[in-house]
Every structure is written in C-alpha cells, then in structure tokens.
Amino acid sequence: MQKHRFKVILEWDDNDGGYTVTVPALPGCITEGDTIQEALENIQEAIRGYLEALKLQGRPLPEKDIQLFYGEVEVSL
C-alpha cells in the first residue's frame, strides 16, 4: 500500500463550533469535526475517498503536495 502525505488546513468555526479542514492539493476535499482529532480522522477518510475516486475515473494521483505558506498581514482602514 502506497502512502501519500498532504498538508491540511484546520480552521475554527466560531458560528457552528468545531473545525473545518481542507486539503489545498485536492480541490473540493473538505470535511469537519468537533475536535482537532476528529477533524484529522475525518480528513484522512475524505482524502482516501478522493484518491479512490481519481483512480476510478482514470485520472492521475497528485505526484507531490503543494508548497504552502502561511502568514499574517495587517491592514488599516
């Protein structure tokens, strides 16, 4: 079994509580969880499903993850 590693982004949702998780290298691959642990478990399942769907469609799997930079900017109004 081949292993794949992907960067994920977890965002706290103030309105609903819990975390939303996205995978920048896999457009549309998104899930959520009440805790960080639950969100990470859910995104693993979502990634597996996404990759299986690519295989079934005969589309190539991503060869490598994207470079991801995270920063902060300040803006005055």
N, C-alpha and C. Protein backbone atom coordinates (compact mmCIF):
# COMPACT_ATOMS: atom_id res chain seq x y z
N MET A 1 0.84 -1.18 0.00
CA MET A 1 0.00 0.00 0.00
C MET A 1 0.89 1.24 0.00
N GLN A 2 0.66 2.12 -0.95
CA GLN A 2 1.46 3.33 -1.08
C GLN A 2 0.91 4.41 -0.16
N LYS A 3 1.81 5.13 0.51
CA LYS A 3 1.39 6.20 1.41
C LYS A 3 1.54 7.55 0.72
N HIS A 4 0.61 8.43 0.99
CA HIS A 4 0.63 9.79 0.47
C HIS A 4 0.53 10.74 1.65
N ARG A 5 1.24 11.85 1.56
CA ARG A 5 1.22 12.84 2.63
C ARG A 5 0.72 14.16 2.04
N PHE A 6 -0.26 14.78 2.71
CA PHE A 6 -0.83 16.03 2.25
C PHE A 6 -0.89 17.04 3.39
N LYS A 7 -0.66 18.29 3.04
CA LYS A 7 -0.84 19.37 4.00
C LYS A 7 -2.34 19.63 4.11
N VAL A 8 -2.79 19.92 5.33
CA VAL A 8 -4.19 20.24 5.56
C VAL A 8 -4.28 21.57 6.32
N ILE A 9 -5.39 22.24 6.16
CA ILE A 9 -5.63 23.50 6.88
C ILE A 9 -6.85 23.30 7.76
N LEU A 10 -6.67 23.53 9.05
CA LEU A 10 -7.77 23.44 10.01
C LEU A 10 -8.16 24.86 10.40
N GLU A 11 -9.44 25.14 10.34
CA GLU A 11 -9.95 26.47 10.72
C GLU A 11 -11.07 26.30 11.73
N TRP A 12 -10.98 27.05 12.82
CA TRP A 12 -12.03 27.04 13.83
C TRP A 12 -13.24 27.79 13.29
N ASP A 13 -14.43 27.24 13.48
CA ASP A 13 -15.66 27.87 13.02
C ASP A 13 -16.39 28.44 14.22
N ASP A 14 -16.34 29.77 14.37
CA ASP A 14 -16.99 30.44 15.51
C ASP A 14 -18.50 30.26 15.50
N ASN A 15 -19.11 30.20 14.32
CA ASN A 15 -20.57 30.10 14.24
C ASN A 15 -21.10 28.75 14.67
N ASP A 16 -20.52 27.68 14.13
CA ASP A 16 -21.01 26.34 14.40
C ASP A 16 -20.18 25.58 15.43
N GLY A 17 -19.02 26.11 15.77
CA GLY A 17 -18.10 25.38 16.63
C GLY A 17 -17.43 24.28 15.83
N GLY A 18 -16.37 23.75 16.31
CA GLY A 18 -15.66 22.70 15.61
C GLY A 18 -14.70 23.25 14.57
N TYR A 19 -14.11 22.34 13.82
CA TYR A 19 -13.07 22.69 12.86
C TYR A 19 -13.47 22.27 11.45
N THR A 20 -13.17 23.12 10.49
CA THR A 20 -13.30 22.79 9.08
C THR A 20 -11.90 22.48 8.58
N VAL A 21 -11.77 21.42 7.80
CA VAL A 21 -10.46 21.00 7.29
C VAL A 21 -10.50 20.95 5.77
N THR A 22 -9.50 21.55 5.13
CA THR A 22 -9.38 21.50 3.68
C THR A 22 -8.00 20.97 3.31
N VAL A 23 -7.89 20.47 2.08
CA VAL A 23 -6.63 19.95 1.55
C VAL A 23 -6.32 20.76 0.29
N PRO A 24 -5.41 21.74 0.38
CA PRO A 24 -5.14 22.60 -0.77
C PRO A 24 -4.77 21.86 -2.05
N ALA A 25 -4.09 20.73 -1.95
CA ALA A 25 -3.66 19.98 -3.13
C ALA A 25 -4.80 19.20 -3.77
N LEU A 26 -5.94 19.08 -3.07
CA LEU A 26 -7.08 18.31 -3.57
C LEU A 26 -8.31 19.20 -3.56
N PRO A 27 -8.52 19.98 -4.61
CA PRO A 27 -9.64 20.93 -4.64
C PRO A 27 -10.98 20.25 -4.33
N GLY A 28 -11.71 20.85 -3.40
CA GLY A 28 -13.01 20.32 -3.03
C GLY A 28 -12.97 19.27 -1.93
N CYS A 29 -11.79 18.87 -1.51
CA CYS A 29 -11.67 17.88 -0.44
C CYS A 29 -11.75 18.64 0.89
N ILE A 30 -12.90 18.51 1.54
CA ILE A 30 -13.17 19.29 2.75
C ILE A 30 -14.04 18.45 3.69
N THR A 31 -13.84 18.64 4.97
CA THR A 31 -14.67 17.98 5.98
C THR A 31 -14.60 18.80 7.25
N GLU A 32 -15.17 18.27 8.31
CA GLU A 32 -15.16 18.99 9.58
C GLU A 32 -15.17 18.01 10.74
N GLY A 33 -14.95 18.54 11.93
CA GLY A 33 -15.01 17.74 13.14
C GLY A 33 -15.16 18.64 14.34
N ASP A 34 -15.72 18.09 15.41
CA ASP A 34 -15.92 18.87 16.63
C ASP A 34 -14.61 19.16 17.35
N THR A 35 -13.63 18.26 17.19
CA THR A 35 -12.32 18.43 17.82
C THR A 35 -11.25 18.34 16.72
N ILE A 36 -10.04 18.73 17.05
CA ILE A 36 -8.95 18.61 16.08
C ILE A 36 -8.76 17.15 15.71
N GLN A 37 -8.76 16.27 16.69
CA GLN A 37 -8.56 14.84 16.44
C GLN A 37 -9.64 14.29 15.51
N GLU A 38 -10.89 14.63 15.78
CA GLU A 38 -11.99 14.16 14.93
C GLU A 38 -11.85 14.72 13.52
N ALA A 39 -11.50 15.99 13.41
CA ALA A 39 -11.34 16.61 12.10
C ALA A 39 -10.22 15.94 11.30
N LEU A 40 -9.11 15.61 11.97
CA LEU A 40 -8.00 14.94 11.28
C LEU A 40 -8.37 13.52 10.85
N GLU A 41 -9.12 12.82 11.68
CA GLU A 41 -9.58 11.48 11.30
C GLU A 41 -10.53 11.56 10.10
N ASN A 42 -11.42 12.56 10.13
CA ASN A 42 -12.37 12.72 9.03
C ASN A 42 -11.68 13.09 7.73
N ILE A 43 -10.64 13.92 7.81
CA ILE A 43 -9.96 14.32 6.57
C ILE A 43 -9.16 13.16 5.99
N GLN A 44 -8.66 12.28 6.82
CA GLN A 44 -7.97 11.09 6.29
C GLN A 44 -8.94 10.26 5.46
N GLU A 45 -10.14 10.08 5.99
CA GLU A 45 -11.18 9.33 5.26
C GLU A 45 -11.56 10.05 3.96
N ALA A 46 -11.70 11.38 4.04
CA ALA A 46 -12.07 12.16 2.85
C ALA A 46 -10.97 12.08 1.78
N ILE A 47 -9.71 12.12 2.20
CA ILE A 47 -8.60 12.02 1.25
C ILE A 47 -8.59 10.65 0.58
N ARG A 48 -8.77 9.59 1.37
CA ARG A 48 -8.83 8.25 0.78
C ARG A 48 -9.93 8.17 -0.27
N GLY A 49 -11.10 8.68 0.05
CA GLY A 49 -12.21 8.67 -0.89
C GLY A 49 -11.90 9.48 -2.14
N TYR A 50 -11.28 10.62 -1.98
CA TYR A 50 -10.92 11.48 -3.09
C TYR A 50 -9.95 10.75 -4.02
N LEU A 51 -8.91 10.14 -3.43
CA LEU A 51 -7.90 9.44 -4.24
C LEU A 51 -8.50 8.21 -4.93
N GLU A 52 -9.38 7.50 -4.24
CA GLU A 52 -10.05 6.34 -4.85
C GLU A 52 -10.91 6.79 -6.04
N ALA A 53 -11.59 7.93 -5.89
CA ALA A 53 -12.41 8.45 -6.98
C ALA A 53 -11.54 8.81 -8.19
N LEU A 54 -10.37 9.40 -7.94
CA LEU A 54 -9.46 9.72 -9.04
C LEU A 54 -9.06 8.43 -9.78
N LYS A 55 -8.73 7.39 -9.02
CA LYS A 55 -8.35 6.11 -9.64
C LYS A 55 -9.47 5.55 -10.49
N LEU A 56 -10.69 5.55 -9.95
CA LEU A 56 -11.84 5.03 -10.68
C LEU A 56 -12.11 5.80 -11.97
N GLN A 57 -11.81 7.09 -11.95
CA GLN A 57 -12.01 7.93 -13.13
C GLN A 57 -10.84 7.85 -14.10
N GLY A 58 -9.80 7.13 -13.71
CA GLY A 58 -8.62 7.01 -14.56
C GLY A 58 -7.78 8.27 -14.58
N ARG A 59 -7.96 9.11 -13.58
CA ARG A 59 -7.19 10.35 -13.50
C ARG A 59 -5.96 10.12 -12.65
N PRO A 60 -4.88 10.85 -12.91
CA PRO A 60 -3.64 10.64 -12.16
C PRO A 60 -3.76 11.15 -10.72
N LEU A 61 -3.08 10.47 -9.82
CA LEU A 61 -2.98 10.94 -8.45
C LEU A 61 -1.97 12.08 -8.40
N PRO A 62 -2.15 13.02 -7.48
CA PRO A 62 -1.16 14.10 -7.36
C PRO A 62 0.22 13.50 -7.09
N GLU A 63 1.22 13.99 -7.81
CA GLU A 63 2.58 13.46 -7.64
C GLU A 63 3.24 13.98 -6.38
N LYS A 64 2.94 15.23 -6.03
CA LYS A 64 3.52 15.78 -4.80
C LYS A 64 2.58 16.83 -4.25
N ASP A 65 2.76 17.13 -3.00
CA ASP A 65 1.94 18.13 -2.34
C ASP A 65 2.38 19.51 -2.78
N ILE A 66 1.52 20.49 -2.59
CA ILE A 66 1.85 21.86 -2.97
C ILE A 66 2.68 22.51 -1.88
N GLN A 67 3.42 23.56 -2.27
CA GLN A 67 4.11 24.36 -1.26
C GLN A 67 3.06 25.26 -0.63
N LEU A 68 3.10 25.36 0.66
CA LEU A 68 2.09 26.13 1.38
C LEU A 68 2.79 27.08 2.33
N PHE A 69 2.43 28.33 2.24
CA PHE A 69 2.99 29.34 3.13
C PHE A 69 1.85 29.96 3.91
N TYR A 70 2.07 30.18 5.15
CA TYR A 70 1.05 30.76 6.00
C TYR A 70 1.63 32.00 6.64
N GLY A 71 0.93 33.09 6.54
CA GLY A 71 1.43 34.34 7.10
C GLY A 71 0.28 35.19 7.61
N GLU A 72 0.64 36.35 8.03
CA GLU A 72 -0.33 37.28 8.58
C GLU A 72 0.02 38.67 8.09
N VAL A 73 -0.97 39.44 7.70
CA VAL A 73 -0.76 40.81 7.30
C VAL A 73 -1.70 41.70 8.09
N GLU A 74 -1.29 42.93 8.27
CA GLU A 74 -2.12 43.88 8.99
C GLU A 74 -2.57 44.95 8.01
N VAL A 75 -3.85 45.30 8.06
CA VAL A 75 -4.41 46.29 7.15
C VAL A 75 -5.14 47.34 7.97
N SER A 76 -4.88 48.60 7.67
CA SER A 76 -5.58 49.70 8.35
C SER A 76 -6.70 50.21 7.47
N LEU A 77 -7.80 50.55 8.08
CA LEU A 77 -8.94 51.14 7.36
C LEU A 77 -9.20 52.52 7.84
